[in-house]
N, C-alpha and C. Protein backbone atom coordinates (compact mmCIF):
# COMPACT_ATOMS: atom_id res chain seq x y z
N MET A 1 165.87 43.69 230.98
CA MET A 1 167.28 43.49 231.03
C MET A 1 167.82 43.61 229.61
N THR A 2 168.94 44.26 229.48
CA THR A 2 169.63 44.38 228.20
C THR A 2 171.00 43.73 228.31
N VAL A 3 171.31 42.87 227.36
CA VAL A 3 172.62 42.23 227.33
C VAL A 3 173.32 42.73 226.08
N ASP A 4 174.45 43.35 226.27
CA ASP A 4 175.20 43.92 225.15
C ASP A 4 176.13 42.86 224.56
N ALA A 5 175.52 41.90 223.87
CA ALA A 5 176.27 40.82 223.24
C ALA A 5 175.41 40.23 222.13
N PRO A 6 176.04 39.69 221.10
CA PRO A 6 175.26 39.06 220.02
C PRO A 6 174.66 37.73 220.48
N PRO A 7 173.58 37.29 219.84
CA PRO A 7 172.92 36.04 220.23
C PRO A 7 173.85 34.82 220.31
N GLU A 8 174.81 34.73 219.43
CA GLU A 8 175.70 33.56 219.44
C GLU A 8 176.59 33.52 220.69
N ARG A 9 176.75 34.63 221.38
CA ARG A 9 177.50 34.65 222.64
C ARG A 9 176.59 34.36 223.83
N ILE A 10 175.31 34.65 223.71
CA ILE A 10 174.36 34.47 224.81
C ILE A 10 173.76 33.06 224.82
N TRP A 11 173.47 32.53 223.63
CA TRP A 11 172.79 31.24 223.54
C TRP A 11 173.45 30.12 224.33
N PRO A 12 174.78 29.94 224.30
CA PRO A 12 175.37 28.84 225.06
C PRO A 12 175.04 28.90 226.55
N TRP A 13 174.93 30.10 227.12
CA TRP A 13 174.58 30.24 228.53
C TRP A 13 173.13 29.84 228.77
N LEU A 14 172.25 30.20 227.85
CA LEU A 14 170.84 29.84 227.98
C LEU A 14 170.62 28.35 227.76
N ALA A 15 171.35 27.77 226.83
CA ALA A 15 171.19 26.35 226.50
C ALA A 15 171.54 25.45 227.68
N GLN A 16 172.44 25.87 228.54
CA GLN A 16 172.84 25.02 229.65
C GLN A 16 172.12 25.35 230.95
N LEU A 17 171.13 26.20 230.87
CA LEU A 17 170.36 26.61 232.04
C LEU A 17 169.56 25.45 232.62
N GLY A 18 169.60 25.28 233.93
CA GLY A 18 168.74 24.30 234.57
C GLY A 18 169.44 23.43 235.60
N GLN A 19 168.64 22.78 236.40
CA GLN A 19 169.14 21.87 237.43
C GLN A 19 169.79 20.67 236.77
N GLY A 20 170.95 20.29 237.26
CA GLY A 20 171.69 19.18 236.67
C GLY A 20 172.45 19.58 235.43
N ARG A 21 172.42 20.85 235.09
CA ARG A 21 173.13 21.36 233.93
C ARG A 21 174.05 22.48 234.43
N GLY A 22 173.86 23.70 233.96
CA GLY A 22 174.70 24.82 234.36
C GLY A 22 174.17 25.60 235.54
N GLY A 23 173.00 25.23 236.03
CA GLY A 23 172.38 25.94 237.15
C GLY A 23 171.39 26.98 236.66
N LEU A 24 170.97 27.83 237.57
CA LEU A 24 170.00 28.87 237.21
C LEU A 24 170.61 30.26 237.29
N TYR A 25 171.91 30.34 237.59
CA TYR A 25 172.61 31.62 237.69
C TYR A 25 171.90 32.54 238.66
N SER A 26 171.52 32.01 239.79
CA SER A 26 170.78 32.80 240.78
C SER A 26 171.40 32.58 242.16
N PHE A 27 170.58 32.53 243.18
CA PHE A 27 171.06 32.40 244.55
C PHE A 27 171.21 30.93 244.93
N GLU A 28 172.34 30.36 244.60
CA GLU A 28 172.60 28.94 244.81
C GLU A 28 172.37 28.51 246.26
N ARG A 29 172.83 29.29 247.21
CA ARG A 29 172.66 28.93 248.63
C ARG A 29 171.19 28.85 249.02
N LEU A 30 170.39 29.78 248.53
CA LEU A 30 168.97 29.78 248.83
C LEU A 30 168.29 28.56 248.20
N GLU A 31 168.62 28.26 246.97
CA GLU A 31 168.04 27.10 246.30
C GLU A 31 168.40 25.81 247.02
N ASN A 32 169.63 25.72 247.49
CA ASN A 32 170.07 24.51 248.19
C ASN A 32 169.48 24.43 249.59
N LEU A 33 169.16 25.56 250.19
CA LEU A 33 168.53 25.57 251.50
C LEU A 33 167.19 24.85 251.48
N ILE A 34 166.48 24.95 250.35
CA ILE A 34 165.19 24.27 250.22
C ILE A 34 165.31 22.91 249.53
N GLY A 35 166.56 22.45 249.34
CA GLY A 35 166.78 21.10 248.85
C GLY A 35 166.89 20.92 247.35
N CYS A 36 167.18 21.96 246.61
CA CYS A 36 167.22 21.83 245.15
C CYS A 36 168.54 21.25 244.61
N ARG A 37 169.58 21.22 245.41
CA ARG A 37 170.88 20.69 244.97
C ARG A 37 171.38 21.37 243.69
N MET A 38 171.37 22.67 243.68
CA MET A 38 171.80 23.44 242.51
C MET A 38 173.30 23.72 242.56
N ARG A 39 173.91 23.73 241.40
CA ARG A 39 175.30 24.14 241.23
C ARG A 39 175.32 25.07 240.02
N ASN A 40 175.75 26.30 240.22
CA ASN A 40 175.84 27.26 239.13
C ASN A 40 177.26 27.26 238.57
N THR A 41 177.38 27.36 237.28
CA THR A 41 178.69 27.37 236.64
C THR A 41 179.08 28.80 236.26
N ASP A 42 180.35 28.99 236.01
CA ASP A 42 180.84 30.29 235.56
C ASP A 42 181.54 30.18 234.21
N ARG A 43 181.23 29.08 233.49
CA ARG A 43 181.82 28.87 232.17
C ARG A 43 180.85 28.10 231.28
N ILE A 44 181.11 28.10 229.99
CA ILE A 44 180.30 27.34 229.03
C ILE A 44 180.68 25.87 229.17
N LEU A 45 179.67 25.03 229.31
CA LEU A 45 179.88 23.59 229.45
C LEU A 45 179.45 22.89 228.16
N PRO A 46 180.39 22.44 227.34
CA PRO A 46 180.06 21.82 226.05
C PRO A 46 179.09 20.65 226.18
N GLU A 47 179.16 19.89 227.27
CA GLU A 47 178.29 18.73 227.44
C GLU A 47 176.83 19.10 227.66
N HIS A 48 176.54 20.39 227.88
CA HIS A 48 175.16 20.83 228.11
C HIS A 48 174.63 21.74 227.00
N GLN A 49 175.18 21.65 225.83
CA GLN A 49 174.73 22.49 224.73
C GLN A 49 173.67 21.83 223.86
N ASP A 50 173.46 20.54 224.01
CA ASP A 50 172.47 19.81 223.22
C ASP A 50 171.13 19.79 223.96
N LEU A 51 170.17 20.58 223.50
CA LEU A 51 168.88 20.67 224.18
C LEU A 51 168.01 19.43 223.98
N SER A 52 168.30 18.59 223.02
CA SER A 52 167.49 17.39 222.81
C SER A 52 167.70 16.38 223.94
N ALA A 53 168.73 16.56 224.75
CA ALA A 53 169.04 15.63 225.84
C ALA A 53 168.62 16.18 227.20
N VAL A 54 167.79 17.22 227.25
CA VAL A 54 167.40 17.85 228.51
C VAL A 54 166.28 17.07 229.16
N PRO A 55 166.54 16.52 230.36
CA PRO A 55 165.46 15.81 231.07
C PRO A 55 164.53 16.80 231.75
N SER A 56 163.33 16.41 232.00
CA SER A 56 162.37 17.24 232.72
C SER A 56 162.57 17.00 234.20
N ARG A 57 162.85 18.06 234.97
CA ARG A 57 163.12 17.93 236.40
C ARG A 57 162.34 18.99 237.18
N THR A 58 162.10 18.68 238.42
CA THR A 58 161.54 19.66 239.34
C THR A 58 162.39 19.69 240.59
N CYS A 59 162.27 20.74 241.33
CA CYS A 59 163.06 20.92 242.55
C CYS A 59 162.61 19.98 243.62
């Protein structure tokens, strides 16, 4: 995959990746069908930019 954007534009999306954060940017309905309770966002969430506060979770 190639993303035509500088790292400073991509990093905020990667930093908020995960369950209980910005989601996985994938098939939300499929993930929820198996009980993952995922919610994908379509914007940068300032409250999820600090990686030191990321809890370890599983589906």
